[in-house]
C-alpha atoms as a PDB file:
ATOM      1  CA  MET A   1      -2.819  41.768 -22.552  1.00  0.00           C
ATOM      2  CA  HIS A   2      -2.142  43.499 -19.246  1.00  0.00           C
ATOM      3  CA  PHE A   3      -0.415  41.301 -16.675  1.00  0.00           C
ATOM      4  CA  ASP A   4      -0.267  42.550 -12.992  1.00  0.00           C
ATOM      5  CA  VAL A   5       2.814  40.946 -11.368  1.00  0.00           C
ATOM      6  CA  GLY A   6       1.698  42.463  -7.979  1.00  0.00           C
ATOM      7  CA  LYS A   7      -0.946  39.742  -7.743  1.00  0.00           C
ATOM      8  CA  LEU A   8       1.654  37.116  -7.791  1.00  0.00           C
ATOM      9  CA  ASN A   9       1.864  36.913  -3.923  1.00  0.00           C
ATOM     10  CA  LYS A  10       1.898  33.286  -3.261  1.00  0.00           C
ATOM     11  CA  ARG A  11       4.881  30.814  -3.360  1.00  0.00           C
ATOM     12  CA  ILE A  12       4.389  27.587  -5.266  1.00  0.00           C
ATOM     13  CA  SER A  13       6.790  24.768  -6.174  1.00  0.00           C
ATOM     14  CA  PHE A  14       6.628  22.599  -9.207  1.00  0.00           C
ATOM     15  CA  LEU A  15       7.643  19.003  -8.438  1.00  0.00           C
ATOM     16  CA  THR A  16       8.889  16.538 -11.128  1.00  0.00           C
ATOM     17  CA  TYR A  17       9.848  12.956 -10.769  1.00  0.00           C
ATOM     18  CA  GLY A  18      13.516  12.061 -11.078  1.00  0.00           C
ATOM     19  CA  GLU A  19      16.664  10.736  -9.379  1.00  0.00           C
ATOM     20  CA  ARG A  20      18.978  12.235  -6.914  1.00  0.00           C
ATOM     21  CA  VAL A  21      21.839  11.183  -4.644  1.00  0.00           C
ATOM     22  CA  ASN A  22      20.959  10.897  -0.958  1.00  0.00           C
ATOM     23  CA  GLU A  23      23.198  11.559   2.076  1.00  0.00           C
ATOM     24  CA  ILE A  24      24.863   8.250   1.961  1.00  0.00           C
ATOM     25  CA  GLY A  25      25.502   8.221  -1.827  1.00  0.00           C
ATOM     26  CA  GLN A  26      22.626   6.122  -3.052  1.00  0.00           C
ATOM     27  CA  THR A  27      20.646   7.130  -6.098  1.00  0.00           C
ATOM     28  CA  VAL A  28      16.985   7.219  -5.144  1.00  0.00           C
ATOM     29  CA  LYS A  29      13.874   8.008  -7.351  1.00  0.00           C
ATOM     30  CA  GLY A  30      11.375  10.357  -6.163  1.00  0.00           C
ATOM     31  CA  GLU A  31       9.581  13.830  -6.355  1.00  0.00           C
ATOM     32  CA  LEU A  32      12.111  16.620  -6.764  1.00  0.00           C
ATOM     33  CA  VAL A  33      11.463  20.362  -6.567  1.00  0.00           C
ATOM     34  CA  HIS A  34      11.849  21.505 -10.217  1.00  0.00           C
ATOM     35  CA  ARG A  35      11.230  25.315  -9.669  1.00  0.00           C
ATOM     36  CA  THR A  36       9.715  27.549  -7.006  1.00  0.00           C
ATOM     37  CA  VAL A  37       7.938  30.673  -8.235  1.00  0.00           C
ATOM     38  CA  TRP A  38       5.491  33.447  -7.268  1.00  0.00           C
ATOM     39  CA  ALA A  39       1.965  32.887  -8.365  1.00  0.00           C
ATOM     40  CA  SER A  40      -1.562  34.007  -7.890  1.00  0.00           C
ATOM     41  CA  VAL A  41      -3.732  31.097  -6.423  1.00  0.00           C
ATOM     42  CA  ARG A  42      -7.448  31.063  -6.024  1.00  0.00           C
ATOM     43  CA  LYS A  43      -9.729  28.222  -5.219  1.00  0.00           C
ATOM     44  CA  LEU A  44     -12.752  27.901  -7.685  1.00  0.00           C
ATOM     45  CA  ARG A  45     -16.038  27.766  -6.162  1.00  0.00           C
ATOM     46  CA  GLY A  46     -19.786  28.418  -6.585  1.00  0.00           C
ATOM     47  CA  TYR A  47     -20.749  29.218 -10.238  1.00  0.00           C
ATOM     48  CA  GLU A  48     -17.173  28.690 -11.421  1.00  0.00           C
ATOM     49  CA  LEU A  49     -17.566  25.008 -11.146  1.00  0.00           C
ATOM     50  CA  SER A  50     -20.034  22.780 -13.157  1.00  0.00           C
ATOM     51  CA  VAL A  51     -22.591  20.509 -11.383  1.00  0.00           C
ATOM     52  CA  ALA A  52     -20.400  17.516 -11.883  1.00  0.00           C
ATOM     53  CA  GLU A  53     -17.254  19.140 -10.305  1.00  0.00           C
ATOM     54  CA  ARG A  54     -19.457  20.217  -7.329  1.00  0.00           C
ATOM     55  CA  LEU A  55     -20.358  16.594  -6.679  1.00  0.00           C
ATOM     56  CA  ASN A  56     -16.612  15.613  -6.893  1.00  0.00           C
ATOM     57  CA  PRO A  57     -14.798  15.927  -3.579  1.00  0.00           C
ATOM     58  CA  GLU A  58     -11.712  17.361  -5.300  1.00  0.00           C
ATOM     59  CA  SER A  59     -10.892  21.118  -4.917  1.00  0.00           C
ATOM     60  CA  VAL A  60     -10.020  22.906  -8.030  1.00  0.00           C
ATOM     61  CA  TYR A  61      -7.477  25.819  -8.106  1.00  0.00           C
ATOM     62  CA  HIS A  62      -6.819  28.437 -10.727  1.00  0.00           C
ATOM     63  CA  ILE A  63      -3.078  29.480 -10.676  1.00  0.00           C
ATOM     64  CA  THR A  64      -1.497  32.226 -12.641  1.00  0.00           C
ATOM     65  CA  THR A  65       2.316  32.595 -12.916  1.00  0.00           C
ATOM     66  CA  ARG A  66       4.951  34.038 -15.193  1.00  0.00           C
ATOM     67  CA  TYR A  67       5.652  31.991 -18.391  1.00  0.00           C
ATOM     68  CA  PHE A  68       8.214  29.197 -18.143  1.00  0.00           C
ATOM     69  CA  ASN A  69       8.747  26.859 -21.066  1.00  0.00           C
ATOM     70  CA  ASP A  70       9.725  23.907 -18.784  1.00  0.00           C
ATOM     71  CA  ILE A  71       6.385  23.429 -16.933  1.00  0.00           C
ATOM     72  CA  PHE A  72       4.305  20.441 -18.008  1.00  0.00           C
ATOM     73  CA  GLU A  73       1.046  18.714 -17.137  1.00  0.00           C
ATOM     74  CA  ASP A  74       2.866  15.664 -15.622  1.00  0.00           C
ATOM     75  CA  MET A  75       4.194  17.891 -12.841  1.00  0.00           C
ATOM     76  CA  LYS A  76       2.699  18.605  -9.472  1.00  0.00           C
ATOM     77  CA  ILE A  77       2.433  21.714  -7.523  1.00  0.00           C
ATOM     78  CA  VAL A  78       3.067  22.128  -3.787  1.00  0.00           C
ATOM     79  CA  TYR A  79       1.055  24.978  -2.217  1.00  0.00           C
ATOM     80  CA  ASN A  80       0.310  25.585   1.455  1.00  0.00           C
ATOM     81  CA  ASN A  81       1.506  21.938   2.197  1.00  0.00           C
ATOM     82  CA  LYS A  82      -1.024  20.614  -0.426  1.00  0.00           C
ATOM     83  CA  LYS A  83       0.001  18.651  -3.352  1.00  0.00           C
ATOM     84  CA  LEU A  84      -1.955  19.794  -6.437  1.00  0.00           C
ATOM     85  CA  HIS A  85      -2.244  17.751  -9.781  1.00  0.00           C
ATOM     86  CA  ILE A  86      -2.024  19.814 -12.933  1.00  0.00           C
ATOM     87  CA  THR A  87      -4.830  19.291 -15.221  1.00  0.00           C
ATOM     88  CA  ASN A  88      -4.532  22.067 -17.801  1.00  0.00           C
ATOM     89  CA  ILE A  89      -1.838  24.602 -18.642  1.00  0.00           C
ATOM     90  CA  VAL A  90      -2.605  27.617 -20.951  1.00  0.00           C
ATOM     91  CA  ASP A  91      -0.019  30.060 -22.381  1.00  0.00           C
ATOM     92  CA  VAL A  92      -2.043  33.290 -22.083  1.00  0.00           C
ATOM     93  CA  ASP A  93      -2.741  34.723 -25.560  1.00  0.00           C
ATOM     94  CA  GLU A  94       0.299  32.534 -26.764  1.00  0.00           C
ATOM     95  CA  GLY A  95       2.291  35.527 -25.692  1.00  0.00           C
ATOM     96  CA  HIS A  96       4.854  33.787 -23.565  1.00  0.00           C
ATOM     97  CA  PHE A  97       4.271  36.123 -20.725  1.00  0.00           C
ATOM     98  CA  ALA A  98       2.049  34.171 -18.263  1.00  0.00           C
ATOM     99  CA  LEU A  99       0.613  30.683 -17.700  1.00  0.00           C
ATOM    100  CA  GLU A 100      -2.783  29.971 -16.429  1.00  0.00           C
ATOM    101  CA  ILE A 101      -2.818  26.572 -14.707  1.00  0.00           C
ATOM    102  CA  THR A 102      -5.840  24.517 -13.530  1.00  0.00           C
ATOM    103  CA  ALA A 103      -4.892  22.014 -10.713  1.00  0.00           C
ATOM    104  CA  THR A 104      -6.830  19.665  -8.355  1.00  0.00           C
ATOM    105  CA  ASP A 105      -6.223  18.678  -4.693  1.00  0.00           C
ATOM    106  CA  LYS A 106      -7.083  15.143  -4.463  1.00  0.00           C
ATOM    107  CA  GLY A 107      -6.586  15.230  -0.659  1.00  0.00           C
ATOM    108  CA  GLU A 108      -3.094  13.446  -0.488  1.00  0.00           C
END
């Protein structure tokens, strides 16, 4: 399959939950930036959404990025100061060259 990397024109960050040491040496738990990458991001609308999804106030996004083997559905994505919840990840054609991610904005 052809993959146009020129369309990866948005910056997104994947968040994971973990521990870090803060400025005063304490270990704190919280969301950490796992990886920041270039991606193609588009908001689904109109006929792309089913009737049930149109009645739901959540916004649904379709995100395409290069393949990474350390991206999982329990992570979140930050895009334009919005926190998106990953609902589905597909390895395009199982070729390990691109990921297609479906994510929702729950209005956090």
